[in-house]
Amino acid sequence: MDNQVSIEVFGTRDLAGCYSGGWGPARSQEETTWEVAEILSAMYGNLVKTSFRDIKETTDTVVKELIEKEGAPLPIIKMNGRVRVTGHLFVPILVSEIDSILAADNETTS
């Protein structure tokens, strides 16, 4: 691994209800994704790359199955190709996951 974490956020562009900072106006999952991406970029620089995928357009079979068969809550977040979080776009949870991935990468390259 090249010590980079690829984050794919699967959600909907038209679903409001994500709140930044706990209080404030509702934002779409896409808008919230880009706000979180800015925070993570400030923290990790180019070690983290974030993208948003609308579930209405995705061809990701793992994500489709999670939604259709298991009713997984949105957003669904994949990190380096693996589902790590569902139902939350919460910076402290993402930071914990990113740190775990980077630490594991450092162990395998040491």
C-alpha atoms as a PDB file:
ATOM      1  CA  MET A   1       0.000   0.000   0.000  1.00  0.00           C
ATOM      2  CA  ASP A   2       1.237   3.498  -0.698  1.00  0.00           C
ATOM      3  CA  ASN A   3       0.027   4.974   2.614  1.00  0.00           C
ATOM      4  CA  GLN A   4      -2.998   6.639   1.048  1.00  0.00           C
ATOM      5  CA  VAL A   5      -6.577   6.114   2.150  1.00  0.00           C
ATOM      6  CA  SER A   6      -9.263   6.221  -0.514  1.00  0.00           C
ATOM      7  CA  ILE A   7     -12.656   7.064   0.981  1.00  0.00           C
ATOM      8  CA  GLU A   8     -15.801   6.475  -1.055  1.00  0.00           C
ATOM      9  CA  VAL A   9     -19.016   7.799   0.449  1.00  0.00           C
ATOM     10  CA  PHE A  10     -22.153   6.199  -0.982  1.00  0.00           C
ATOM     11  CA  GLY A  11     -25.314   8.188  -0.363  1.00  0.00           C
ATOM     12  CA  THR A  12     -27.884  10.303  -2.163  1.00  0.00           C
ATOM     13  CA  ARG A  13     -27.626  13.805  -3.512  1.00  0.00           C
ATOM     14  CA  ASP A  14     -31.208  14.620  -2.620  1.00  0.00           C
ATOM     15  CA  LEU A  15     -31.416  13.241   0.916  1.00  0.00           C
ATOM     16  CA  ALA A  16     -31.291  15.984   3.509  1.00  0.00           C
ATOM     17  CA  GLY A  17     -30.805  15.287   7.146  1.00  0.00           C
ATOM     18  CA  CYS A  18     -27.046  15.356   7.570  1.00  0.00           C
ATOM     19  CA  TYR A  19     -26.015  17.967  10.079  1.00  0.00           C
ATOM     20  CA  SER A  20     -22.608  19.543  10.385  1.00  0.00           C
ATOM     21  CA  GLY A  21     -21.588  20.224  13.930  1.00  0.00           C
ATOM     22  CA  GLY A  22     -24.778  18.786  15.389  1.00  0.00           C
ATOM     23  CA  TRP A  23     -26.920  21.884  14.929  1.00  0.00           C
ATOM     24  CA  GLY A  24     -27.637  23.938  11.888  1.00  0.00           C
ATOM     25  CA  PRO A  25     -29.282  23.608   8.528  1.00  0.00           C
ATOM     26  CA  ALA A  26     -29.782  20.174   7.031  1.00  0.00           C
ATOM     27  CA  ARG A  27     -27.403  19.357   4.220  1.00  0.00           C
ATOM     28  CA  SER A  28     -27.445  16.641   1.616  1.00  0.00           C
ATOM     29  CA  GLN A  29     -25.147  13.684   2.077  1.00  0.00           C
ATOM     30  CA  GLU A  30     -23.109  14.946  -0.856  1.00  0.00           C
ATOM     31  CA  GLU A  31     -22.675  18.426   0.672  1.00  0.00           C
ATOM     32  CA  THR A  32     -21.701  16.910   3.993  1.00  0.00           C
ATOM     33  CA  THR A  33     -19.210  14.619   2.246  1.00  0.00           C
ATOM     34  CA  TRP A  34     -17.371  17.597   0.754  1.00  0.00           C
ATOM     35  CA  GLU A  35     -17.326  19.397   4.118  1.00  0.00           C
ATOM     36  CA  VAL A  36     -15.853  16.320   5.772  1.00  0.00           C
ATOM     37  CA  ALA A  37     -13.376  15.934   2.883  1.00  0.00           C
ATOM     38  CA  GLU A  38     -12.061  19.450   3.577  1.00  0.00           C
ATOM     39  CA  ILE A  39     -11.560  18.629   7.256  1.00  0.00           C
ATOM     40  CA  LEU A  40      -9.789  15.350   6.476  1.00  0.00           C
ATOM     41  CA  SER A  41      -7.628  17.036   3.852  1.00  0.00           C
ATOM     42  CA  ALA A  42      -6.569  19.653   6.408  1.00  0.00           C
ATOM     43  CA  MET A  43      -5.676  16.866   8.844  1.00  0.00           C
ATOM     44  CA  TYR A  44      -4.009  14.363   6.509  1.00  0.00           C
ATOM     45  CA  GLY A  45      -3.075  16.291   3.373  1.00  0.00           C
ATOM     46  CA  ASN A  46      -2.713  14.060   0.341  1.00  0.00           C
ATOM     47  CA  LEU A  47      -2.867  10.871   2.410  1.00  0.00           C
ATOM     48  CA  VAL A  48      -6.671  10.894   2.125  1.00  0.00           C
ATOM     49  CA  LYS A  49      -8.699  11.071  -1.068  1.00  0.00           C
ATOM     50  CA  THR A  50     -12.479  11.394  -0.694  1.00  0.00           C
ATOM     51  CA  SER A  51     -15.152  10.831  -3.325  1.00  0.00           C
ATOM     52  CA  PHE A  52     -18.953  10.775  -3.335  1.00  0.00           C
ATOM     53  CA  ARG A  53     -21.015   8.146  -5.159  1.00  0.00           C
ATOM     54  CA  ASP A  54     -24.778   8.462  -5.570  1.00  0.00           C
ATOM     55  CA  ILE A  55     -26.403   5.116  -4.832  1.00  0.00           C
ATOM     56  CA  LYS A  56     -28.838   5.689  -7.686  1.00  0.00           C
ATOM     57  CA  GLU A  57     -25.891   5.605 -10.106  1.00  0.00           C
ATOM     58  CA  THR A  58     -23.507   3.135  -8.491  1.00  0.00           C
ATOM     59  CA  THR A  59     -22.561  -0.208  -9.960  1.00  0.00           C
ATOM     60  CA  ASP A  60     -20.790  -1.295  -6.757  1.00  0.00           C
ATOM     61  CA  THR A  61     -22.286  -4.721  -6.064  1.00  0.00           C
ATOM     62  CA  VAL A  62     -21.236  -4.805  -2.405  1.00  0.00           C
ATOM     63  CA  VAL A  63     -22.972  -1.506  -1.682  1.00  0.00           C
ATOM     64  CA  LYS A  64     -26.083  -2.477  -3.651  1.00  0.00           C
ATOM     65  CA  GLU A  65     -26.341  -5.740  -1.731  1.00  0.00           C
ATOM     66  CA  LEU A  66     -25.917  -4.002   1.630  1.00  0.00           C
ATOM     67  CA  ILE A  67     -28.792  -1.674   0.783  1.00  0.00           C
ATOM     68  CA  GLU A  68     -31.136  -4.152  -0.894  1.00  0.00           C
ATOM     69  CA  LYS A  69     -30.622  -7.262   1.249  1.00  0.00           C
ATOM     70  CA  GLU A  70     -29.531  -5.886   4.598  1.00  0.00           C
ATOM     71  CA  GLY A  71     -31.143  -2.439   4.643  1.00  0.00           C
ATOM     72  CA  ALA A  72     -27.871  -0.783   5.621  1.00  0.00           C
ATOM     73  CA  PRO A  73     -28.304   2.859   6.629  1.00  0.00           C
ATOM     74  CA  LEU A  74     -26.809   5.580   4.489  1.00  0.00           C
ATOM     75  CA  PRO A  75     -24.215   6.760   4.004  1.00  0.00           C
ATOM     76  CA  ILE A  76     -22.100   3.682   3.398  1.00  0.00           C
ATOM     77  CA  ILE A  77     -18.400   4.414   3.589  1.00  0.00           C
ATOM     78  CA  LYS A  78     -15.723   2.308   1.952  1.00  0.00           C
ATOM     79  CA  MET A  79     -12.086   2.876   2.772  1.00  0.00           C
ATOM     80  CA  ASN A  80      -9.524   1.360   0.436  1.00  0.00           C
ATOM     81  CA  GLY A  81     -12.282  -0.767  -1.076  1.00  0.00           C
ATOM     82  CA  ARG A  82     -13.654  -2.179   2.181  1.00  0.00           C
ATOM     83  CA  VAL A  83     -16.871  -1.132   3.931  1.00  0.00           C
ATOM     84  CA  ARG A  84     -15.811   0.397   7.238  1.00  0.00           C
ATOM     85  CA  VAL A  85     -18.759   2.526   8.392  1.00  0.00           C
ATOM     86  CA  THR A  86     -22.492   2.672   7.694  1.00  0.00           C
ATOM     87  CA  GLY A  87     -25.024   5.256   8.785  1.00  0.00           C
ATOM     88  CA  HIS A  88     -22.588   7.940   9.924  1.00  0.00           C
ATOM     89  CA  LEU A  89     -20.405  10.583   8.346  1.00  0.00           C
ATOM     90  CA  PHE A  90     -18.825  11.558  11.645  1.00  0.00           C
ATOM     91  CA  VAL A  91     -15.267  12.890  11.619  1.00  0.00           C
ATOM     92  CA  PRO A  92     -14.032  11.208  14.854  1.00  0.00           C
ATOM     93  CA  ILE A  93     -15.142   7.782  13.582  1.00  0.00           C
ATOM     94  CA  LEU A  94     -13.508   8.392  10.202  1.00  0.00           C
ATOM     95  CA  VAL A  95     -10.283   9.607  11.844  1.00  0.00           C
ATOM     96  CA  SER A  96     -10.127   6.446  13.942  1.00  0.00           C
ATOM     97  CA  GLU A  97     -10.579   4.271  10.854  1.00  0.00           C
ATOM     98  CA  ILE A  98      -8.029   6.272   8.822  1.00  0.00           C
ATOM     99  CA  ASP A  99      -5.479   6.055  11.631  1.00  0.00           C
ATOM    100  CA  SER A 100      -5.994   2.275  11.836  1.00  0.00           C
ATOM    101  CA  ILE A 101      -5.464   1.879   8.095  1.00  0.00           C
ATOM    102  CA  LEU A 102      -2.359   4.059   8.070  1.00  0.00           C
ATOM    103  CA  ALA A 103      -0.908   2.269  11.108  1.00  0.00           C
ATOM    104  CA  ALA A 104      -1.482  -1.121   9.463  1.00  0.00           C
ATOM    105  CA  ASP A 105       0.159   0.149   6.271  1.00  0.00           C
ATOM    106  CA  ASN A 106       3.158   1.371   8.263  1.00  0.00           C
ATOM    107  CA  GLU A 107       3.496  -2.026   9.965  1.00  0.00           C
ATOM    108  CA  THR A 108       3.525  -3.870   6.652  1.00  0.00           C
ATOM    109  CA  THR A 109       6.114  -1.515   5.138  1.00  0.00           C
ATOM    110  CA  SER A 110       8.433  -1.531   8.170  1.00  0.00           C
END
